[in-house]
Amino acid sequence: MAILRAGPWGNLSDSFQNTGTAGAYPVNIAKGNWPTQNWAAYYEVEVAAGCATPATATSNDHLVYGGPVTMDRVAGECQEYYWSDPSGPYYGEADLIYSGGYWTYTESTSSAPYASYGGGTDPDDPTGTYYGTFDTRTIT
């Protein structure tokens, strides 16, 4: 009796069924049990600890400060970045947050938001072009 394999797991129509979610998945004997016993070999998937997003994100421009600003990821948050410069002529701030299915970049002066930009929809990737009412920002 031949044992048909489709990679290390899966079935013949979809040999890679790993969804990336935690759990135990059968290794495979054509995705079924042996005729006289249950299949006992499994591989385990664990969700990786930590953040998939980069540690920093840089905006190409800031209206008040003119040049690029590099935001650090907020401690304990994977989808939020923050930058501030309290020593400047105005208290400049920049926030980059993933919420509601997309990234938002906001520039503030003296804690008053004055420009907001919408970005991408990938929760693990804040980079790309952000569109505002009158201009754009590039986040790298």
N, C-alpha and C. Protein backbone atom coordinates (compact mmCIF):
# COMPACT_ATOMS: atom_id res chain seq x y z
N MET A 1 0.83 -1.17 0.00
CA MET A 1 0.00 0.00 0.00
C MET A 1 0.89 1.24 0.00
N ALA A 2 0.72 2.13 -0.95
CA ALA A 2 1.52 3.35 -1.06
C ALA A 2 0.97 4.41 -0.13
N ILE A 3 1.88 5.15 0.48
CA ILE A 3 1.49 6.28 1.31
C ILE A 3 1.81 7.53 0.50
N LEU A 4 0.79 8.31 0.20
CA LEU A 4 0.97 9.52 -0.58
C LEU A 4 1.26 10.68 0.35
N ARG A 5 2.30 11.44 0.04
CA ARG A 5 2.65 12.60 0.85
C ARG A 5 2.49 13.87 0.03
N ALA A 6 2.10 14.90 0.67
CA ALA A 6 2.03 16.22 0.05
C ALA A 6 2.86 17.14 0.91
N GLY A 7 4.18 17.11 0.73
CA GLY A 7 5.06 17.90 1.59
C GLY A 7 5.03 17.32 2.99
N PRO A 8 5.55 18.04 3.96
CA PRO A 8 5.57 17.51 5.33
C PRO A 8 4.20 17.58 6.01
N TRP A 9 3.26 18.27 5.42
CA TRP A 9 1.92 18.36 5.98
C TRP A 9 0.94 18.67 4.86
N GLY A 10 -0.31 18.71 5.17
CA GLY A 10 -1.29 19.11 4.17
C GLY A 10 -1.99 17.94 3.52
N ASN A 11 -2.58 18.17 2.36
CA ASN A 11 -3.22 17.12 1.59
C ASN A 11 -2.81 17.30 0.13
N LEU A 12 -3.28 16.43 -0.74
CA LEU A 12 -2.81 16.46 -2.11
C LEU A 12 -3.24 17.70 -2.89
N SER A 13 -4.33 18.32 -2.51
CA SER A 13 -4.76 19.52 -3.22
C SER A 13 -4.15 20.81 -2.66
N ASP A 14 -3.64 20.78 -1.41
CA ASP A 14 -3.03 21.95 -0.80
C ASP A 14 -1.95 21.47 0.14
N SER A 15 -0.72 21.42 -0.34
CA SER A 15 0.35 20.82 0.45
C SER A 15 0.88 21.73 1.55
N PHE A 16 0.53 23.00 1.55
CA PHE A 16 1.00 23.90 2.59
C PHE A 16 -0.19 24.57 3.24
N GLN A 17 -0.68 23.98 4.29
CA GLN A 17 -1.87 24.49 4.96
C GLN A 17 -1.56 25.22 6.25
N ASN A 18 -0.29 25.49 6.54
CA ASN A 18 0.06 26.18 7.75
C ASN A 18 -0.56 27.58 7.73
N THR A 19 -1.42 27.85 8.67
CA THR A 19 -2.09 29.15 8.72
C THR A 19 -1.33 30.16 9.55
N GLY A 20 -0.26 29.72 10.22
CA GLY A 20 0.49 30.62 11.08
C GLY A 20 -0.13 30.78 12.45
N THR A 21 -1.22 30.09 12.71
CA THR A 21 -1.83 30.17 14.03
C THR A 21 -1.30 29.04 14.90
N ALA A 22 -1.29 29.29 16.20
CA ALA A 22 -0.77 28.30 17.12
C ALA A 22 -1.62 27.04 17.10
N GLY A 23 -0.98 25.90 17.32
CA GLY A 23 -1.71 24.65 17.38
C GLY A 23 -0.86 23.49 16.92
N ALA A 24 -1.42 22.30 16.96
CA ALA A 24 -0.73 21.10 16.50
C ALA A 24 -1.40 20.62 15.22
N TYR A 25 -0.60 20.28 14.22
CA TYR A 25 -1.10 19.88 12.93
C TYR A 25 -0.54 18.52 12.57
N PRO A 26 -1.32 17.62 11.97
CA PRO A 26 -0.80 16.29 11.62
C PRO A 26 0.29 16.40 10.56
N VAL A 27 1.32 15.55 10.68
CA VAL A 27 2.42 15.59 9.73
C VAL A 27 1.95 15.10 8.38
N ASN A 28 1.13 14.08 8.30
CA ASN A 28 0.48 13.66 7.06
C ASN A 28 0.76 12.21 6.69
N ILE A 29 -0.27 11.53 6.40
CA ILE A 29 -0.25 10.32 5.58
C ILE A 29 -1.45 10.48 4.66
N ALA A 30 -1.34 11.45 3.79
CA ALA A 30 -2.44 11.88 2.94
C ALA A 30 -3.59 12.39 3.79
N LYS A 31 -3.21 13.03 4.89
CA LYS A 31 -4.14 13.68 5.82
C LYS A 31 -5.19 12.73 6.39
N GLY A 32 -4.74 11.59 6.82
CA GLY A 32 -5.65 10.63 7.43
C GLY A 32 -4.92 9.73 8.41
N ASN A 33 -5.62 8.85 9.09
CA ASN A 33 -5.03 7.92 10.04
C ASN A 33 -4.60 6.64 9.34
N TRP A 34 -3.72 5.88 10.00
CA TRP A 34 -3.38 4.54 9.53
C TRP A 34 -4.64 3.69 9.63
N PRO A 35 -4.75 2.62 8.87
CA PRO A 35 -5.96 1.80 8.92
C PRO A 35 -6.26 1.22 10.30
N THR A 36 -5.21 0.94 11.12
CA THR A 36 -5.46 0.30 12.41
C THR A 36 -5.12 1.18 13.61
N GLN A 37 -4.66 2.40 13.39
CA GLN A 37 -4.35 3.28 14.52
C GLN A 37 -4.39 4.74 14.08
N ASN A 38 -4.59 5.61 15.06
CA ASN A 38 -4.59 7.04 14.78
C ASN A 38 -3.19 7.53 14.50
N TRP A 39 -3.09 8.50 13.63
CA TRP A 39 -1.79 9.07 13.30
C TRP A 39 -1.27 9.83 14.51
N ALA A 40 0.01 9.61 14.88
CA ALA A 40 0.53 10.16 16.12
C ALA A 40 1.66 11.18 15.94
N ALA A 41 2.03 11.51 14.74
CA ALA A 41 3.10 12.48 14.54
C ALA A 41 2.51 13.83 14.17
N TYR A 42 2.90 14.86 14.89
CA TYR A 42 2.40 16.21 14.67
C TYR A 42 3.57 17.19 14.67
N TYR A 43 3.40 18.30 14.00
CA TYR A 43 4.33 19.41 14.18
C TYR A 43 3.55 20.51 14.86
N GLU A 44 4.26 21.37 15.57
CA GLU A 44 3.61 22.40 16.35
C GLU A 44 3.97 23.78 15.81
N VAL A 45 2.98 24.65 15.75
CA VAL A 45 3.19 26.03 15.33
C VAL A 45 2.98 26.92 16.54
N GLU A 46 3.96 27.78 16.80
CA GLU A 46 3.85 28.74 17.88
C GLU A 46 3.90 30.14 17.28
N VAL A 47 3.08 31.02 17.80
CA VAL A 47 3.11 32.40 17.35
C VAL A 47 4.34 33.05 17.97
N ALA A 48 5.15 33.68 17.14
CA ALA A 48 6.40 34.28 17.61
C ALA A 48 6.13 35.44 18.55
N ALA A 49 6.95 35.51 19.59
CA ALA A 49 6.84 36.62 20.52
C ALA A 49 7.48 37.86 19.91
N GLY A 50 7.08 39.01 20.37
CA GLY A 50 7.66 40.25 19.88
C GLY A 50 6.83 40.85 18.76
N CYS A 51 7.39 41.88 18.17
CA CYS A 51 6.68 42.63 17.14
C CYS A 51 7.24 42.34 15.76
N ALA A 52 6.37 42.28 14.78
CA ALA A 52 6.79 42.11 13.40
C ALA A 52 7.12 43.45 12.76
N THR A 53 6.69 44.54 13.36
CA THR A 53 6.96 45.88 12.82
C THR A 53 8.39 46.30 13.13
N PRO A 54 8.96 47.22 12.33
CA PRO A 54 10.32 47.68 12.60
C PRO A 54 10.39 48.50 13.90
N ALA A 55 11.60 48.62 14.47
CA ALA A 55 11.78 49.34 15.74
C ALA A 55 11.59 50.84 15.58
N THR A 56 11.90 51.38 14.39
CA THR A 56 11.73 52.81 14.14
C THR A 56 11.05 53.02 12.80
N ALA A 57 10.49 54.21 12.63
CA ALA A 57 9.90 54.62 11.36
C ALA A 57 10.26 56.08 11.14
N THR A 58 10.61 56.44 9.91
CA THR A 58 11.04 57.80 9.62
C THR A 58 10.12 58.45 8.61
N SER A 59 9.67 59.66 8.96
CA SER A 59 8.87 60.47 8.03
C SER A 59 9.84 61.35 7.24
N ASN A 60 9.59 61.51 5.95
CA ASN A 60 10.48 62.32 5.12
C ASN A 60 10.42 63.80 5.43
N ASP A 61 9.39 64.24 6.16
CA ASP A 61 9.22 65.67 6.38
C ASP A 61 8.35 65.89 7.61
N HIS A 62 8.46 67.09 8.18
CA HIS A 62 7.58 67.53 9.25
C HIS A 62 7.35 69.00 9.01
N LEU A 63 6.12 69.46 8.96
CA LEU A 63 5.82 70.83 8.55
C LEU A 63 6.56 71.89 9.36
N VAL A 64 6.64 71.74 10.67
CA VAL A 64 7.29 72.75 11.51
C VAL A 64 8.81 72.57 11.51
N TYR A 65 9.27 71.33 11.59
CA TYR A 65 10.70 71.08 11.73
C TYR A 65 11.40 70.90 10.39
N GLY A 66 10.67 70.84 9.31
CA GLY A 66 11.23 70.86 7.97
C GLY A 66 11.86 69.58 7.48
N GLY A 67 12.58 68.90 8.29
CA GLY A 67 13.29 67.71 7.84
C GLY A 67 12.66 66.43 8.33
N PRO A 68 13.35 65.34 8.11
CA PRO A 68 12.82 64.04 8.54
C PRO A 68 12.79 63.92 10.07
N VAL A 69 11.86 63.14 10.55
CA VAL A 69 11.79 62.80 11.97
C VAL A 69 11.74 61.29 12.08
N THR A 70 12.52 60.75 13.02
CA THR A 70 12.54 59.31 13.24
C THR A 70 11.79 59.00 14.51
N MET A 71 10.73 58.22 14.37
CA MET A 71 9.87 57.86 15.49
C MET A 71 10.28 56.49 16.03
N ASP A 72 10.29 56.35 17.34
CA ASP A 72 10.55 55.07 17.98
C ASP A 72 9.23 54.37 18.26
N ARG A 73 9.25 53.05 18.20
CA ARG A 73 8.06 52.29 18.56
C ARG A 73 7.80 52.50 20.05
N VAL A 74 6.56 52.73 20.41
CA VAL A 74 6.17 52.94 21.80
C VAL A 74 6.35 51.63 22.56
N ALA A 75 6.96 51.71 23.74
CA ALA A 75 7.24 50.51 24.54
C ALA A 75 5.95 49.72 24.79
N GLY A 76 6.01 48.44 24.53
CA GLY A 76 4.86 47.56 24.75
C GLY A 76 3.82 47.59 23.65
N GLU A 77 4.03 48.41 22.63
CA GLU A 77 3.08 48.52 21.52
C GLU A 77 3.79 48.13 20.22
N CYS A 78 3.17 47.31 19.42
CA CYS A 78 3.76 46.91 18.15
C CYS A 78 3.32 47.80 16.99
N GLN A 79 2.24 48.52 17.17
CA GLN A 79 1.67 49.30 16.07
C GLN A 79 1.48 50.76 16.43
N GLU A 80 2.46 51.30 17.17
CA GLU A 80 2.39 52.71 17.53
C GLU A 80 3.81 53.27 17.66
N TYR A 81 4.04 54.41 17.01
CA TYR A 81 5.33 55.09 17.01
C TYR A 81 5.13 56.53 17.48
N TYR A 82 6.20 57.10 18.08
CA TYR A 82 6.08 58.46 18.60
C TYR A 82 7.43 59.17 18.52
N TRP A 83 7.39 60.45 18.22
CA TRP A 83 8.57 61.32 18.24
C TRP A 83 8.17 62.65 18.85
N SER A 84 9.07 63.27 19.61
CA SER A 84 8.82 64.60 20.13
C SER A 84 10.13 65.36 20.25
N ASP A 85 10.03 66.68 20.18
CA ASP A 85 11.18 67.56 20.36
C ASP A 85 10.75 68.72 21.25
N PRO A 86 10.87 68.55 22.57
CA PRO A 86 10.44 69.61 23.48
C PRO A 86 11.40 70.81 23.49
N SER A 87 12.58 70.68 22.88
CA SER A 87 13.57 71.76 22.94
C SER A 87 13.42 72.76 21.78
N GLY A 88 12.59 72.44 20.81
CA GLY A 88 12.42 73.31 19.66
C GLY A 88 11.61 74.56 20.00
N PRO A 89 11.42 75.46 19.02
CA PRO A 89 10.63 76.68 19.28
C PRO A 89 9.18 76.34 19.62
N TYR A 90 8.70 75.23 19.12
CA TYR A 90 7.38 74.71 19.46
C TYR A 90 7.59 73.27 19.89
N TYR A 91 6.71 72.78 20.71
CA TYR A 91 6.82 71.38 21.14
C TYR A 91 6.30 70.51 20.00
N GLY A 92 7.21 69.99 19.17
CA GLY A 92 6.81 69.20 18.02
C GLY A 92 6.59 67.75 18.37
N GLU A 93 5.57 67.14 17.76
CA GLU A 93 5.27 65.74 17.98
C GLU A 93 4.89 65.09 16.66
N ALA A 94 5.13 63.80 16.57
CA ALA A 94 4.68 63.00 15.44
C ALA A 94 4.22 61.65 15.98
N ASP A 95 3.05 61.22 15.56
CA ASP A 95 2.48 59.94 15.97
C ASP A 95 2.19 59.11 14.72
N LEU A 96 2.47 57.83 14.81
CA LEU A 96 2.15 56.89 13.75
C LEU A 96 1.47 55.71 14.41
N ILE A 97 0.20 55.49 14.08
CA ILE A 97 -0.61 54.48 14.78
C ILE A 97 -1.39 53.64 13.78
N TYR A 98 -1.43 52.33 14.03
CA TYR A 98 -2.30 51.44 13.25
C TYR A 98 -3.58 51.23 14.05
N SER A 99 -4.69 51.63 13.46
CA SER A 99 -5.97 51.49 14.15
C SER A 99 -7.08 51.48 13.11
N GLY A 100 -8.08 50.66 13.33
CA GLY A 100 -9.22 50.63 12.43
C GLY A 100 -8.91 50.10 11.04
N GLY A 101 -7.82 49.33 10.92
CA GLY A 101 -7.49 48.70 9.65
C GLY A 101 -6.52 49.46 8.77
N TYR A 102 -5.98 50.60 9.25
CA TYR A 102 -5.00 51.34 8.46
C TYR A 102 -4.09 52.16 9.38
N TRP A 103 -2.96 52.60 8.83
CA TRP A 103 -2.00 53.43 9.54
C TRP A 103 -2.37 54.91 9.40
N THR A 104 -2.19 55.68 10.47
CA THR A 104 -2.41 57.12 10.47
C THR A 104 -1.17 57.81 11.02
N TYR A 105 -0.69 58.82 10.30
CA TYR A 105 0.45 59.62 10.73
C TYR A 105 -0.06 61.03 11.03
N THR A 106 0.23 61.54 12.24
CA THR A 106 -0.25 62.85 12.66
C THR A 106 0.91 63.71 13.14
N GLU A 107 0.98 64.95 12.66
CA GLU A 107 1.97 65.92 13.11
C GLU A 107 1.28 66.93 14.02
N SER A 108 1.97 67.28 15.13
CA SER A 108 1.40 68.22 16.10
C SER A 108 2.46 69.25 16.48
N THR A 109 1.98 70.41 16.91
CA THR A 109 2.83 71.44 17.49
C THR A 109 2.18 71.88 18.78
N SER A 110 2.98 71.91 19.84
CA SER A 110 2.47 72.29 21.16
C SER A 110 1.22 71.49 21.51
N SER A 111 1.24 70.20 21.22
CA SER A 111 0.16 69.25 21.50
C SER A 111 -1.12 69.51 20.70
N ALA A 112 -1.05 70.32 19.66
CA ALA A 112 -2.21 70.59 18.81
C ALA A 112 -2.00 69.95 17.44
N PRO A 113 -2.74 68.88 17.13
CA PRO A 113 -2.59 68.25 15.82
C PRO A 113 -2.97 69.21 14.70
N TYR A 114 -2.12 69.30 13.66
CA TYR A 114 -2.44 70.19 12.54
C TYR A 114 -2.39 69.49 11.19
N ALA A 115 -1.86 68.28 11.13
CA ALA A 115 -1.81 67.57 9.85
C ALA A 115 -1.94 66.08 10.11
N SER A 116 -2.80 65.43 9.34
CA SER A 116 -3.01 63.99 9.49
C SER A 116 -2.97 63.35 8.12
N TYR A 117 -2.37 62.16 8.07
CA TYR A 117 -2.17 61.46 6.80
C TYR A 117 -2.58 60.00 6.97
N GLY A 118 -3.22 59.45 5.96
CA GLY A 118 -3.61 58.04 5.97
C GLY A 118 -2.64 57.21 5.16
N GLY A 119 -2.31 56.03 5.69
CA GLY A 119 -1.34 55.16 5.02
C GLY A 119 -1.87 53.79 4.70
N GLY A 120 -0.99 52.82 4.72
CA GLY A 120 -1.30 51.46 4.30
C GLY A 120 -2.17 50.69 5.26
N THR A 121 -2.50 49.46 4.86
CA THR A 121 -3.40 48.61 5.64
C THR A 121 -2.72 47.39 6.24
N ASP A 122 -1.42 47.20 5.99
CA ASP A 122 -0.70 46.04 6.53
C ASP A 122 -0.32 46.33 7.97
N PRO A 123 -0.86 45.60 8.95
CA PRO A 123 -0.58 45.90 10.36
C PRO A 123 0.89 45.72 10.74
N ASP A 124 1.66 44.98 9.94
CA ASP A 124 3.07 44.74 10.24
C ASP A 124 4.02 45.64 9.46
N ASP A 125 3.50 46.51 8.60
CA ASP A 125 4.36 47.33 7.76
C ASP A 125 3.85 48.77 7.67
N PRO A 126 4.45 49.68 8.45
CA PRO A 126 4.00 51.08 8.43
C PRO A 126 4.59 51.90 7.27
N THR A 127 5.47 51.31 6.47
CA THR A 127 6.14 52.08 5.43
C THR A 127 5.24 52.33 4.23
N GLY A 128 5.55 53.40 3.49
CA GLY A 128 4.80 53.71 2.28
C GLY A 128 4.46 55.18 2.20
N THR A 129 3.59 55.51 1.25
CA THR A 129 3.15 56.88 1.05
C THR A 129 1.88 57.12 1.85
N TYR A 130 1.86 58.23 2.57
CA TYR A 130 0.71 58.63 3.38
C TYR A 130 0.12 59.87 2.74
N TYR A 131 -1.20 59.87 2.57
CA TYR A 131 -1.88 60.95 1.86
C TYR A 131 -2.65 61.82 2.83
N GLY A 132 -2.43 63.15 2.73
CA GLY A 132 -3.16 64.13 3.52
C GLY A 132 -4.05 64.96 2.60
N THR A 133 -4.64 65.99 3.15
CA THR A 133 -5.53 66.84 2.36
C THR A 133 -4.78 67.59 1.27
N PHE A 134 -3.60 68.12 1.60
CA PHE A 134 -2.87 68.97 0.66
C PHE A 134 -1.53 68.42 0.20
N ASP A 135 -0.98 67.42 0.91
CA ASP A 135 0.32 66.89 0.52
C ASP A 135 0.45 65.44 0.99
N THR A 136 1.64 64.89 0.83
CA THR A 136 1.90 63.51 1.22
C THR A 136 3.12 63.44 2.11
N ARG A 137 3.26 62.32 2.79
CA ARG A 137 4.47 62.00 3.57
C ARG A 137 4.89 60.60 3.16
N THR A 138 6.19 60.36 3.20
CA THR A 138 6.73 59.03 2.94
C THR A 138 7.30 58.50 4.24
N ILE A 139 6.84 57.34 4.65
CA ILE A 139 7.34 56.70 5.86
C ILE A 139 8.23 55.54 5.45
N THR A 140 9.46 55.56 5.97
CA THR A 140 10.41 54.46 5.70
C THR A 140 10.82 53.80 6.98
